[in-house]
Amino acid sequence: MSETIELYFSFRSPYSYLAAQLAEDALADFDVHVRFRPVLPLAIREPNFFDKSNHDRVRYILIDWLRRAEMLGLPAGFPSPDPIVQDMSTFTIADEQPHIFRLTYLGAEAERQGAGLPFAREVSRLIWSGTPDWNQGDHLAEAAKRAGLDLAAMETAVGNGETHKAIVESNQEAQAAAGHRGVPLFVYKDEPFFGQDRIDSLCWKLEKDGLKR
């Protein structure tokens, strides 16, 4: 019986984007199942997480993820629009958030339909490759289609979002219990592996446990 690896993921995280591009291929050689568990970004869960005192942290992320994507040969560009409506000069989070809840709930629905990771891979690539107006036209529908899903049916299943809100809240509680709030976070046998640059450590652990196919 295969082991389960849980992936906690945010559609606002460029490092989650990188992880989604790498994880499927990296884990293909192991007898494991990836359970995709989307969570809301810390900027939504804890609005003070990114404030003026964290300016250097934000500046570093903005530099580092682009460098990392280039090193990995992955397309990279700042989201247009940002999945979160936020004033980046003050880090103030807007009350109205038309994108991030929709994306996160759709991610939860994709996992319910058995294609969470493929959906995350395609949609995060759409957003973090810098596709202009990724939220308009048929961009999301085509990304869902590439993942083997039907966006209209997913939207219908999400409905008013109450069921999927509960799923996401459960994911966030489980992530906290795993010992880390950051994304991307892989959890294997209650052991957390934080960051897209820890996939190799995860694979080492899986091979050590004899899960190589």
N, C-alpha and C. Protein backbone atom coordinates (compact mmCIF):
# COMPACT_ATOMS: atom_id res chain seq x y z
N MET A 1 0.85 -1.20 0.00
CA MET A 1 0.00 0.00 0.00
C MET A 1 0.88 1.25 0.00
N SER A 2 0.56 2.19 -0.87
CA SER A 2 1.38 3.39 -1.00
C SER A 2 1.21 4.30 0.21
N GLU A 3 2.25 5.10 0.47
CA GLU A 3 2.22 6.09 1.53
C GLU A 3 1.61 7.39 0.99
N THR A 4 1.08 8.21 1.91
CA THR A 4 0.49 9.50 1.53
C THR A 4 1.42 10.63 1.93
N ILE A 5 1.62 11.55 1.01
CA ILE A 5 2.33 12.79 1.29
C ILE A 5 1.33 13.92 1.16
N GLU A 6 1.25 14.75 2.16
CA GLU A 6 0.34 15.89 2.12
C GLU A 6 1.10 17.12 1.66
N LEU A 7 0.49 17.86 0.74
CA LEU A 7 1.09 19.09 0.24
C LEU A 7 0.18 20.25 0.57
N TYR A 8 0.66 21.13 1.44
CA TYR A 8 -0.05 22.36 1.80
C TYR A 8 0.45 23.46 0.88
N PHE A 9 -0.49 24.14 0.24
CA PHE A 9 -0.18 24.95 -0.94
C PHE A 9 -1.03 26.22 -0.95
N SER A 10 -0.42 27.32 -1.39
CA SER A 10 -1.15 28.58 -1.56
C SER A 10 -0.98 29.09 -2.99
N PHE A 11 -2.07 29.52 -3.58
CA PHE A 11 -2.01 30.05 -4.95
C PHE A 11 -1.38 31.44 -4.99
N ARG A 12 -1.11 32.04 -3.83
CA ARG A 12 -0.43 33.34 -3.80
C ARG A 12 1.07 33.18 -3.59
N SER A 13 1.54 31.98 -3.42
CA SER A 13 2.94 31.74 -3.10
C SER A 13 3.74 31.37 -4.35
N PRO A 14 4.77 32.17 -4.71
CA PRO A 14 5.59 31.79 -5.86
C PRO A 14 6.37 30.49 -5.61
N TYR A 15 6.72 30.23 -4.35
CA TYR A 15 7.42 28.99 -4.05
C TYR A 15 6.49 27.78 -4.18
N SER A 16 5.20 27.98 -3.88
CA SER A 16 4.23 26.91 -4.12
C SER A 16 4.15 26.62 -5.62
N TYR A 17 4.19 27.68 -6.42
CA TYR A 17 4.21 27.51 -7.88
C TYR A 17 5.39 26.63 -8.29
N LEU A 18 6.56 26.94 -7.79
CA LEU A 18 7.74 26.15 -8.14
C LEU A 18 7.58 24.71 -7.69
N ALA A 19 7.06 24.52 -6.49
CA ALA A 19 6.87 23.15 -5.97
C ALA A 19 5.91 22.37 -6.84
N ALA A 20 4.84 23.01 -7.28
CA ALA A 20 3.84 22.32 -8.10
C ALA A 20 4.43 21.87 -9.43
N GLN A 21 5.39 22.63 -9.95
CA GLN A 21 6.01 22.26 -11.22
C GLN A 21 6.98 21.09 -11.04
N LEU A 22 7.55 20.96 -9.85
CA LEU A 22 8.61 19.98 -9.62
C LEU A 22 8.13 18.67 -8.98
N ALA A 23 7.08 18.76 -8.15
CA ALA A 23 6.74 17.65 -7.27
C ALA A 23 6.32 16.39 -8.03
N GLU A 24 5.48 16.56 -9.04
CA GLU A 24 4.94 15.39 -9.72
C GLU A 24 6.04 14.53 -10.31
N ASP A 25 6.97 15.16 -11.02
CA ASP A 25 8.07 14.40 -11.63
C ASP A 25 9.00 13.85 -10.57
N ALA A 26 9.29 14.65 -9.55
CA ALA A 26 10.23 14.21 -8.51
C ALA A 26 9.72 13.00 -7.75
N LEU A 27 8.41 12.95 -7.55
CA LEU A 27 7.83 11.87 -6.75
C LEU A 27 7.34 10.69 -7.59
N ALA A 28 7.48 10.80 -8.92
CA ALA A 28 6.96 9.75 -9.80
C ALA A 28 7.64 8.40 -9.57
N ASP A 29 8.87 8.42 -9.10
CA ASP A 29 9.62 7.18 -8.89
C ASP A 29 9.31 6.49 -7.58
N PHE A 30 8.38 7.05 -6.80
CA PHE A 30 8.09 6.51 -5.47
C PHE A 30 6.64 6.06 -5.36
N ASP A 31 6.44 5.04 -4.55
CA ASP A 31 5.09 4.51 -4.34
C ASP A 31 4.37 5.35 -3.30
N VAL A 32 3.97 6.56 -3.74
CA VAL A 32 3.32 7.51 -2.83
C VAL A 32 2.12 8.15 -3.53
N HIS A 33 1.22 8.63 -2.71
CA HIS A 33 0.08 9.41 -3.19
C HIS A 33 0.17 10.80 -2.59
N VAL A 34 0.06 11.84 -3.43
CA VAL A 34 0.11 13.21 -2.95
C VAL A 34 -1.30 13.70 -2.69
N ARG A 35 -1.56 14.05 -1.45
CA ARG A 35 -2.85 14.64 -1.08
C ARG A 35 -2.69 16.15 -1.10
N PHE A 36 -3.37 16.80 -2.03
CA PHE A 36 -3.25 18.25 -2.20
C PHE A 36 -4.18 18.96 -1.22
N ARG A 37 -3.60 19.84 -0.40
CA ARG A 37 -4.38 20.51 0.64
C ARG A 37 -4.17 22.03 0.54
N PRO A 38 -4.98 22.71 -0.26
CA PRO A 38 -4.83 24.16 -0.40
C PRO A 38 -5.19 24.89 0.87
N VAL A 39 -4.44 25.95 1.15
CA VAL A 39 -4.69 26.80 2.31
C VAL A 39 -4.70 28.25 1.86
N LEU A 40 -5.32 29.10 2.66
CA LEU A 40 -5.28 30.53 2.37
C LEU A 40 -3.91 31.08 2.75
N PRO A 41 -3.44 32.08 2.03
CA PRO A 41 -2.13 32.67 2.36
C PRO A 41 -2.12 33.28 3.75
N LEU A 42 -0.93 33.34 4.35
CA LEU A 42 -0.82 33.97 5.66
C LEU A 42 -1.24 35.44 5.62
N ALA A 43 -1.10 36.08 4.47
CA ALA A 43 -1.53 37.47 4.34
C ALA A 43 -3.03 37.63 4.56
N ILE A 44 -3.79 36.56 4.33
CA ILE A 44 -5.23 36.58 4.60
C ILE A 44 -5.51 36.07 6.01
N ARG A 45 -4.85 34.98 6.38
CA ARG A 45 -5.09 34.41 7.71
C ARG A 45 -4.57 35.31 8.82
N GLU A 46 -3.43 35.93 8.57
CA GLU A 46 -2.80 36.80 9.58
C GLU A 46 -2.34 38.09 8.88
N PRO A 47 -3.25 39.05 8.70
CA PRO A 47 -2.95 40.24 7.90
C PRO A 47 -1.72 41.01 8.36
N ASN A 48 -1.31 40.86 9.60
CA ASN A 48 -0.13 41.58 10.08
C ASN A 48 1.17 40.82 9.82
N PHE A 49 1.06 39.65 9.21
CA PHE A 49 2.26 38.85 8.96
C PHE A 49 3.24 39.61 8.07
N PHE A 50 2.70 40.25 7.02
CA PHE A 50 3.52 41.10 6.16
C PHE A 50 3.18 42.55 6.47
N ASP A 51 4.02 43.19 7.25
CA ASP A 51 3.84 44.61 7.53
C ASP A 51 5.15 45.33 7.22
N LYS A 52 5.21 46.61 7.55
CA LYS A 52 6.39 47.38 7.18
C LYS A 52 7.66 46.85 7.84
N SER A 53 7.51 46.23 9.00
CA SER A 53 8.69 45.69 9.68
C SER A 53 9.25 44.48 8.95
N ASN A 54 8.44 43.89 8.04
CA ASN A 54 8.87 42.72 7.28
C ASN A 54 9.29 43.09 5.86
N HIS A 55 9.59 44.35 5.63
CA HIS A 55 9.90 44.80 4.27
C HIS A 55 11.06 44.01 3.67
N ASP A 56 12.11 43.76 4.45
CA ASP A 56 13.27 43.04 3.93
C ASP A 56 12.91 41.61 3.54
N ARG A 57 12.04 40.99 4.30
CA ARG A 57 11.60 39.63 3.98
C ARG A 57 10.89 39.60 2.63
N VAL A 58 9.99 40.56 2.43
CA VAL A 58 9.25 40.63 1.17
C VAL A 58 10.20 40.90 0.02
N ARG A 59 11.12 41.84 0.21
CA ARG A 59 12.06 42.18 -0.86
C ARG A 59 12.90 40.97 -1.24
N TYR A 60 13.32 40.20 -0.24
CA TYR A 60 14.11 39.01 -0.52
C TYR A 60 13.31 38.00 -1.35
N ILE A 61 12.06 37.76 -0.95
CA ILE A 61 11.22 36.80 -1.67
C ILE A 61 11.06 37.22 -3.13
N LEU A 62 10.84 38.51 -3.35
CA LEU A 62 10.62 39.01 -4.71
C LEU A 62 11.85 38.80 -5.58
N ILE A 63 13.03 38.87 -4.98
CA ILE A 63 14.27 38.62 -5.72
C ILE A 63 14.51 37.12 -5.88
N ASP A 64 14.35 36.39 -4.80
CA ASP A 64 14.79 35.00 -4.76
C ASP A 64 13.95 34.08 -5.63
N TRP A 65 12.62 34.27 -5.64
CA TRP A 65 11.81 33.31 -6.40
C TRP A 65 12.07 33.44 -7.89
N LEU A 66 12.32 34.67 -8.37
CA LEU A 66 12.63 34.85 -9.79
C LEU A 66 13.97 34.19 -10.14
N ARG A 67 14.93 34.35 -9.26
CA ARG A 67 16.23 33.73 -9.45
C ARG A 67 16.10 32.21 -9.46
N ARG A 68 15.31 31.70 -8.53
CA ARG A 68 15.12 30.26 -8.43
C ARG A 68 14.42 29.70 -9.67
N ALA A 69 13.40 30.40 -10.14
CA ALA A 69 12.68 29.96 -11.33
C ALA A 69 13.60 29.92 -12.54
N GLU A 70 14.44 30.96 -12.68
CA GLU A 70 15.38 30.98 -13.80
C GLU A 70 16.35 29.81 -13.72
N MET A 71 16.85 29.53 -12.52
CA MET A 71 17.77 28.42 -12.32
C MET A 71 17.12 27.10 -12.72
N LEU A 72 15.82 26.96 -12.42
CA LEU A 72 15.10 25.72 -12.71
C LEU A 72 14.57 25.66 -14.14
N GLY A 73 14.72 26.75 -14.88
CA GLY A 73 14.23 26.79 -16.26
C GLY A 73 12.72 26.89 -16.36
N LEU A 74 12.10 27.53 -15.38
CA LEU A 74 10.65 27.67 -15.37
C LEU A 74 10.25 29.10 -15.71
N PRO A 75 9.13 29.27 -16.42
CA PRO A 75 8.68 30.63 -16.74
C PRO A 75 8.30 31.39 -15.48
N ALA A 76 8.60 32.67 -15.45
CA ALA A 76 8.33 33.45 -14.24
C ALA A 76 7.97 34.89 -14.61
N GLY A 77 6.95 35.39 -13.94
CA GLY A 77 6.55 36.78 -14.11
C GLY A 77 5.58 37.13 -13.00
N PHE A 78 5.57 38.39 -12.59
CA PHE A 78 4.71 38.77 -11.49
C PHE A 78 3.24 38.68 -11.92
N PRO A 79 2.38 38.19 -11.04
CA PRO A 79 0.97 37.98 -11.37
C PRO A 79 0.27 39.26 -11.81
N SER A 80 -0.59 39.10 -12.78
CA SER A 80 -1.38 40.22 -13.29
C SER A 80 -2.82 39.76 -13.52
N PRO A 81 -3.71 39.93 -12.52
CA PRO A 81 -3.53 40.61 -11.24
C PRO A 81 -2.95 39.69 -10.16
N ASP A 82 -2.54 40.32 -9.06
CA ASP A 82 -2.11 39.60 -7.87
C ASP A 82 -3.31 38.81 -7.33
N PRO A 83 -3.11 37.53 -6.96
CA PRO A 83 -4.23 36.77 -6.38
C PRO A 83 -4.82 37.39 -5.13
N ILE A 84 -4.05 38.23 -4.45
CA ILE A 84 -4.55 38.97 -3.30
C ILE A 84 -4.55 40.46 -3.64
N VAL A 85 -5.63 41.15 -3.32
CA VAL A 85 -5.68 42.59 -3.48
C VAL A 85 -5.02 43.21 -2.25
N GLN A 86 -3.85 43.82 -2.48
CA GLN A 86 -3.04 44.32 -1.38
C GLN A 86 -2.24 45.52 -1.85
N ASP A 87 -2.17 46.54 -1.01
CA ASP A 87 -1.33 47.70 -1.27
C ASP A 87 0.10 47.33 -0.85
N MET A 88 0.97 47.14 -1.81
CA MET A 88 2.31 46.65 -1.50
C MET A 88 3.21 47.74 -0.92
N SER A 89 2.76 48.98 -0.92
CA SER A 89 3.55 50.02 -0.27
C SER A 89 3.29 50.06 1.23
N THR A 90 2.08 49.66 1.64
CA THR A 90 1.73 49.64 3.07
C THR A 90 1.45 48.24 3.57
N PHE A 91 1.33 47.26 2.65
CA PHE A 91 0.97 45.87 2.94
C PHE A 91 -0.45 45.73 3.47
N THR A 92 -1.28 46.75 3.26
CA THR A 92 -2.67 46.69 3.70
C THR A 92 -3.46 45.74 2.81
N ILE A 93 -4.22 44.84 3.42
CA ILE A 93 -5.04 43.87 2.70
C ILE A 93 -6.43 44.46 2.49
N ALA A 94 -6.92 44.44 1.26
CA ALA A 94 -8.25 44.97 0.97
C ALA A 94 -9.33 44.09 1.58
N ASP A 95 -10.45 44.69 1.91
CA ASP A 95 -11.58 43.92 2.45
C ASP A 95 -12.17 42.99 1.40
N GLU A 96 -12.25 43.46 0.18
CA GLU A 96 -12.80 42.65 -0.91
C GLU A 96 -11.67 41.86 -1.58
N GLN A 97 -11.85 40.56 -1.66
CA GLN A 97 -10.86 39.68 -2.26
C GLN A 97 -11.53 38.79 -3.31
N PRO A 98 -11.55 39.25 -4.56
CA PRO A 98 -12.31 38.52 -5.59
C PRO A 98 -11.62 37.27 -6.12
N HIS A 99 -10.31 37.07 -5.83
CA HIS A 99 -9.57 35.99 -6.47
C HIS A 99 -9.18 34.85 -5.54
N ILE A 100 -8.60 35.15 -4.38
CA ILE A 100 -7.91 34.11 -3.62
C ILE A 100 -8.86 33.07 -3.04
N PHE A 101 -10.04 33.48 -2.60
CA PHE A 101 -10.98 32.49 -2.06
C PHE A 101 -11.48 31.59 -3.19
N ARG A 102 -11.76 32.18 -4.33
CA ARG A 102 -12.21 31.38 -5.48
C ARG A 102 -11.15 30.37 -5.87
N LEU A 103 -9.90 30.81 -6.00
CA LEU A 103 -8.82 29.90 -6.39
C LEU A 103 -8.64 28.78 -5.37
N THR A 104 -8.66 29.13 -4.10
CA THR A 104 -8.42 28.13 -3.05
C THR A 104 -9.54 27.12 -2.99
N TYR A 105 -10.77 27.58 -3.11
CA TYR A 105 -11.91 26.66 -3.09
C TYR A 105 -11.92 25.77 -4.34
N LEU A 106 -11.54 26.34 -5.48
CA LEU A 106 -11.44 25.52 -6.69
C LEU A 106 -10.35 24.47 -6.52
N GLY A 107 -9.26 24.83 -5.85
CA GLY A 107 -8.22 23.84 -5.57
C GLY A 107 -8.74 22.71 -4.71
N ALA A 108 -9.56 23.05 -3.72
CA ALA A 108 -10.15 22.02 -2.87
C ALA A 108 -11.07 21.11 -3.68
N GLU A 109 -11.82 21.71 -4.60
CA GLU A 109 -12.70 20.91 -5.45
C GLU A 109 -11.90 20.02 -6.40
N ALA A 110 -10.81 20.54 -6.92
CA ALA A 110 -9.96 19.74 -7.80
C ALA A 110 -9.46 18.49 -7.07
N GLU A 111 -9.08 18.66 -5.81
CA GLU A 111 -8.64 17.50 -5.03
C GLU A 111 -9.79 16.53 -4.81
N ARG A 112 -10.98 17.05 -4.58
CA ARG A 112 -12.16 16.17 -4.43
C ARG A 112 -12.38 15.34 -5.69
N GLN A 113 -12.01 15.90 -6.83
CA GLN A 113 -12.19 15.20 -8.10
C GLN A 113 -10.95 14.40 -8.50
N GLY A 114 -9.97 14.35 -7.61
CA GLY A 114 -8.80 13.51 -7.85
C GLY A 114 -7.71 14.12 -8.70
N ALA A 115 -7.74 15.45 -8.87
CA ALA A 115 -6.74 16.10 -9.72
C ALA A 115 -6.21 17.38 -9.07
N GLY A 116 -6.02 17.34 -7.76
CA GLY A 116 -5.58 18.53 -7.04
C GLY A 116 -4.23 19.03 -7.50
N LEU A 117 -3.22 18.16 -7.52
CA LEU A 117 -1.89 18.58 -7.89
C LEU A 117 -1.81 19.02 -9.36
N PRO A 118 -2.40 18.28 -10.31
CA PRO A 118 -2.38 18.77 -11.69
C PRO A 118 -3.05 20.14 -11.84
N PHE A 119 -4.15 20.36 -11.12
CA PHE A 119 -4.82 21.67 -11.16
C PHE A 119 -3.90 22.75 -10.61
N ALA A 120 -3.26 22.47 -9.49
CA ALA A 120 -2.34 23.44 -8.90
C ALA A 120 -1.19 23.74 -9.85
N ARG A 121 -0.69 22.72 -10.49
CA ARG A 121 0.42 22.92 -11.42
C ARG A 121 0.02 23.85 -12.56
N GLU A 122 -1.12 23.57 -13.17
CA GLU A 122 -1.54 24.35 -14.33
C GLU A 122 -1.96 25.78 -13.96
N VAL A 123 -2.71 25.93 -12.88
CA VAL A 123 -3.21 27.25 -12.51
C VAL A 123 -2.10 28.13 -11.96
N SER A 124 -1.23 27.55 -11.13
CA SER A 124 -0.13 28.36 -10.60
C SER A 124 0.83 28.77 -11.72
N ARG A 125 1.02 27.91 -12.69
CA ARG A 125 1.86 28.27 -13.84
C ARG A 125 1.23 29.42 -14.62
N LEU A 126 -0.08 29.37 -14.78
CA LEU A 126 -0.80 30.44 -15.46
C LEU A 126 -0.57 31.77 -14.75
N ILE A 127 -0.71 31.75 -13.42
CA ILE A 127 -0.60 32.98 -12.63
C ILE A 127 0.83 33.47 -12.55
N TRP A 128 1.76 32.58 -12.21
CA TRP A 128 3.12 32.99 -11.88
C TRP A 128 4.07 33.00 -13.06
N SER A 129 3.56 32.70 -14.24
CA SER A 129 4.34 32.95 -15.45
C SER A 129 4.10 34.37 -15.95
N GLY A 130 3.18 35.08 -15.28
CA GLY A 130 2.91 36.47 -15.63
C GLY A 130 1.88 36.66 -16.72
N THR A 131 1.03 35.66 -16.94
CA THR A 131 -0.01 35.78 -17.96
C THR A 131 -0.91 36.97 -17.67
N PRO A 132 -1.01 37.94 -18.59
CA PRO A 132 -1.86 39.11 -18.33
C PRO A 132 -3.32 38.71 -18.20
N ASP A 133 -4.00 39.27 -17.22
CA ASP A 133 -5.43 39.05 -17.03
C ASP A 133 -5.77 37.55 -16.97
N TRP A 134 -4.98 36.82 -16.17
CA TRP A 134 -5.21 35.38 -16.05
C TRP A 134 -6.61 35.05 -15.55
N ASN A 135 -7.26 36.02 -14.88
CA ASN A 135 -8.59 35.79 -14.30
C ASN A 135 -9.72 36.05 -15.28
N GLN A 136 -9.40 36.46 -16.48
CA GLN A 136 -10.42 36.79 -17.46
C GLN A 136 -10.41 35.80 -18.62
N GLY A 137 -11.46 35.89 -19.44
CA GLY A 137 -11.55 35.03 -20.62
C GLY A 137 -11.56 33.56 -20.25
N ASP A 138 -10.89 32.76 -21.07
CA ASP A 138 -10.91 31.30 -20.85
C ASP A 138 -9.61 30.77 -20.26
N HIS A 139 -8.78 31.67 -19.71
CA HIS A 139 -7.49 31.23 -19.17
C HIS A 139 -7.65 30.14 -18.12
N LEU A 140 -8.49 30.38 -17.11
CA LEU A 140 -8.66 29.39 -16.05
C LEU A 140 -9.33 28.12 -16.56
N ALA A 141 -10.29 28.28 -17.46
CA ALA A 141 -10.98 27.12 -18.01
C ALA A 141 -10.01 26.22 -18.77
N GLU A 142 -9.11 26.84 -19.53
CA GLU A 142 -8.13 26.05 -20.29
C GLU A 142 -7.12 25.39 -19.35
N ALA A 143 -6.74 26.09 -18.28
CA ALA A 143 -5.82 25.49 -17.31
C ALA A 143 -6.47 24.29 -16.64
N ALA A 144 -7.74 24.44 -16.26
CA ALA A 144 -8.46 23.31 -15.66
C ALA A 144 -8.56 22.15 -16.64
N LYS A 145 -8.81 22.47 -17.90
CA LYS A 145 -8.92 21.43 -18.93
C LYS A 145 -7.62 20.65 -19.07
N ARG A 146 -6.51 21.36 -19.01
CA ARG A 146 -5.20 20.68 -19.10
C ARG A 146 -4.99 19.74 -17.93
N ALA A 147 -5.65 20.04 -16.81
CA ALA A 147 -5.56 19.17 -15.64
C ALA A 147 -6.62 18.07 -15.66
N GLY A 148 -7.42 18.02 -16.74
CA GLY A 148 -8.44 16.99 -16.86
C GLY A 148 -9.74 17.33 -16.16
N LEU A 149 -9.99 18.63 -15.95
CA LEU A 149 -11.16 19.08 -15.20
C LEU A 149 -12.00 20.04 -16.02
N ASP A 150 -13.24 20.20 -15.59
CA ASP A 150 -14.17 21.12 -16.24
C ASP A 150 -14.45 22.27 -15.27
N LEU A 151 -14.00 23.47 -15.62
CA LEU A 151 -14.10 24.60 -14.70
C LEU A 151 -15.55 24.93 -14.37
N ALA A 152 -16.44 24.90 -15.34
CA ALA A 152 -17.84 25.24 -15.08
C ALA A 152 -18.45 24.27 -14.08
N ALA A 153 -18.16 22.99 -14.23
CA ALA A 153 -18.67 22.00 -13.28
C ALA A 153 -18.06 22.20 -11.90
N MET A 154 -16.80 22.60 -11.86
CA MET A 154 -16.15 22.86 -10.58
C MET A 154 -16.81 24.05 -9.88
N GLU A 155 -17.07 25.11 -10.64
CA GLU A 155 -17.70 26.30 -10.07
C GLU A 155 -19.08 25.94 -9.49
N THR A 156 -19.80 25.11 -10.21
CA THR A 156 -21.12 24.67 -9.73
C THR A 156 -20.98 23.88 -8.44
N ALA A 157 -19.99 23.01 -8.38
CA ALA A 157 -19.78 22.19 -7.19
C ALA A 157 -19.38 23.05 -5.99
N VAL A 158 -18.60 24.10 -6.23
CA VAL A 158 -18.20 24.99 -5.14
C VAL A 158 -19.40 25.76 -4.61
N GLY A 159 -20.28 26.20 -5.51
CA GLY A 159 -21.50 26.89 -5.09
C GLY A 159 -21.22 28.11 -4.24
N ASN A 160 -21.83 28.16 -3.08
CA ASN A 160 -21.64 29.32 -2.19
C ASN A 160 -20.35 29.22 -1.38
N GLY A 161 -19.64 28.13 -1.53
CA GLY A 161 -18.32 28.01 -0.92
C GLY A 161 -18.29 27.47 0.50
N GLU A 162 -19.45 27.23 1.10
CA GLU A 162 -19.45 26.84 2.52
C GLU A 162 -18.76 25.49 2.75
N THR A 163 -19.05 24.50 1.91
CA THR A 163 -18.42 23.19 2.05
C THR A 163 -16.91 23.30 1.87
N HIS A 164 -16.49 24.06 0.87
CA HIS A 164 -15.07 24.18 0.55
C HIS A 164 -14.34 25.06 1.55
N LYS A 165 -15.05 26.01 2.12
CA LYS A 165 -14.47 26.80 3.21
C LYS A 165 -14.10 25.89 4.38
N ALA A 166 -14.99 24.96 4.70
CA ALA A 166 -14.73 24.02 5.79
C ALA A 166 -13.53 23.13 5.47
N ILE A 167 -13.40 22.71 4.21
CA ILE A 167 -12.26 21.88 3.81
C ILE A 167 -10.96 22.66 4.00
N VAL A 168 -10.96 23.90 3.54
CA VAL A 168 -9.75 24.72 3.63
C VAL A 168 -9.39 25.00 5.09
N GLU A 169 -10.39 25.28 5.91
CA GLU A 169 -10.12 25.50 7.33
C GLU A 169 -9.55 24.26 7.99
N SER A 170 -10.05 23.10 7.60
CA SER A 170 -9.51 21.84 8.11
C SER A 170 -8.06 21.65 7.67
N ASN A 171 -7.77 22.01 6.43
CA ASN A 171 -6.39 21.94 5.93
C ASN A 171 -5.47 22.82 6.77
N GLN A 172 -5.94 24.02 7.10
CA GLN A 172 -5.12 24.97 7.86
C GLN A 172 -4.86 24.48 9.27
N GLU A 173 -5.85 23.84 9.86
CA GLU A 173 -5.67 23.26 11.18
C GLU A 173 -4.66 22.11 11.14
N ALA A 174 -4.76 21.28 10.11
CA ALA A 174 -3.84 20.15 9.98
C ALA A 174 -2.42 20.64 9.71
N GLN A 175 -2.30 21.71 8.93
CA GLN A 175 -0.98 22.27 8.66
C GLN A 175 -0.34 22.77 9.95
N ALA A 176 -1.10 23.49 10.76
CA ALA A 176 -0.58 23.98 12.03
C ALA A 176 -0.15 22.82 12.93
N ALA A 177 -0.95 21.75 12.93
CA ALA A 177 -0.62 20.58 13.75
C ALA A 177 0.65 19.89 13.27
N ALA A 178 0.95 20.05 11.97
CA ALA A 178 2.16 19.44 11.42
C ALA A 178 3.42 20.18 11.83
N GLY A 179 3.25 21.40 12.37
CA GLY A 179 4.40 22.09 12.93
C GLY A 179 4.98 23.21 12.09
N HIS A 180 4.27 23.63 11.03
CA HIS A 180 4.78 24.72 10.20
C HIS A 180 3.61 25.38 9.48
N ARG A 181 3.63 26.71 9.41
CA ARG A 181 2.53 27.43 8.75
C ARG A 181 2.88 27.88 7.34
N GLY A 182 4.14 27.70 6.94
CA GLY A 182 4.58 28.18 5.64
C GLY A 182 4.20 27.24 4.52
N VAL A 183 4.27 27.77 3.30
CA VAL A 183 4.01 26.98 2.09
C VAL A 183 5.13 27.22 1.08
N PRO A 184 5.36 26.22 0.23
CA PRO A 184 4.76 24.89 0.24
C PRO A 184 5.30 24.04 1.38
N LEU A 185 4.44 23.21 1.91
CA LEU A 185 4.83 22.32 3.00
C LEU A 185 4.42 20.90 2.64
N PHE A 186 5.41 20.01 2.57
CA PHE A 186 5.15 18.58 2.39
C PHE A 186 5.21 17.92 3.76
N VAL A 187 4.28 17.02 4.02
CA VAL A 187 4.29 16.29 5.28
C VAL A 187 4.23 14.79 4.97
N TYR A 188 5.21 14.07 5.48
CA TYR A 188 5.31 12.63 5.28
C TYR A 188 5.54 11.98 6.63
N LYS A 189 4.63 11.10 7.03
CA LYS A 189 4.71 10.43 8.34
C LYS A 189 4.91 11.44 9.47
N ASP A 190 4.10 12.50 9.43
CA ASP A 190 4.13 13.56 10.44
C ASP A 190 5.42 14.37 10.45
N GLU A 191 6.25 14.20 9.44
CA GLU A 191 7.51 14.94 9.36
C GLU A 191 7.38 16.04 8.30
N PRO A 192 7.55 17.32 8.67
CA PRO A 192 7.38 18.41 7.70
C PRO A 192 8.64 18.67 6.89
N PHE A 193 8.44 18.99 5.62
CA PHE A 193 9.51 19.40 4.72
C PHE A 193 9.05 20.72 4.10
N PHE A 194 9.65 21.82 4.53
CA PHE A 194 9.18 23.14 4.13
C PHE A 194 9.99 23.69 2.95
N GLY A 195 9.29 24.07 1.90
CA GLY A 195 9.91 24.74 0.77
C GLY A 195 10.12 23.84 -0.43
N GLN A 196 10.07 24.48 -1.61
CA GLN A 196 10.29 23.71 -2.85
C GLN A 196 11.72 23.19 -2.93
N ASP A 197 12.63 23.79 -2.17
CA ASP A 197 14.01 23.34 -2.19
C ASP A 197 14.27 22.21 -1.19
N ARG A 198 13.18 21.65 -0.62
CA ARG A 198 13.33 20.49 0.26
C ARG A 198 12.72 19.23 -0.36
N ILE A 199 12.33 19.32 -1.63
CA ILE A 199 11.79 18.14 -2.30
C ILE A 199 12.86 17.05 -2.38
N ASP A 200 14.11 17.47 -2.59
CA ASP A 200 15.18 16.46 -2.65
C ASP A 200 15.37 15.77 -1.30
N SER A 201 15.19 16.53 -0.21
CA SER A 201 15.27 15.91 1.12
C SER A 201 14.14 14.92 1.33
N LEU A 202 12.95 15.29 0.85
CA LEU A 202 11.80 14.39 0.93
C LEU A 202 12.06 13.11 0.14
N CYS A 203 12.59 13.25 -1.07
CA CYS A 203 12.87 12.07 -1.89
C CYS A 203 13.93 11.19 -1.23
N TRP A 204 14.92 11.82 -0.62
CA TRP A 204 15.94 11.05 0.12
C TRP A 204 15.29 10.23 1.22
N LYS A 205 14.35 10.85 1.93
CA LYS A 205 13.66 10.16 3.03
C LYS A 205 12.82 9.00 2.49
N LEU A 206 12.14 9.22 1.38
CA LEU A 206 11.32 8.17 0.78
C LEU A 206 12.18 6.99 0.33
N GLU A 207 13.32 7.31 -0.26
CA GLU A 207 14.22 6.23 -0.71
C GLU A 207 14.78 5.48 0.49
N LYS A 208 15.11 6.21 1.54
CA LYS A 208 15.62 5.60 2.77
C LYS A 208 14.61 4.63 3.34
N ASP A 209 13.31 4.97 3.21
CA ASP A 209 12.23 4.12 3.73
C ASP A 209 11.84 3.00 2.77
N GLY A 210 12.56 2.89 1.66
CA GLY A 210 12.31 1.79 0.72
C GLY A 210 11.09 1.96 -0.15
N LEU A 211 10.71 3.21 -0.43
CA LEU A 211 9.50 3.46 -1.24
C LEU A 211 9.80 3.66 -2.72
N LYS A 212 11.05 3.47 -3.11
CA LYS A 212 11.39 3.55 -4.53
C LYS A 212 10.63 2.46 -5.27
N ARG A 213 10.03 2.80 -6.40
CA ARG A 213 9.25 1.81 -7.15
C ARG A 213 10.16 0.70 -7.66
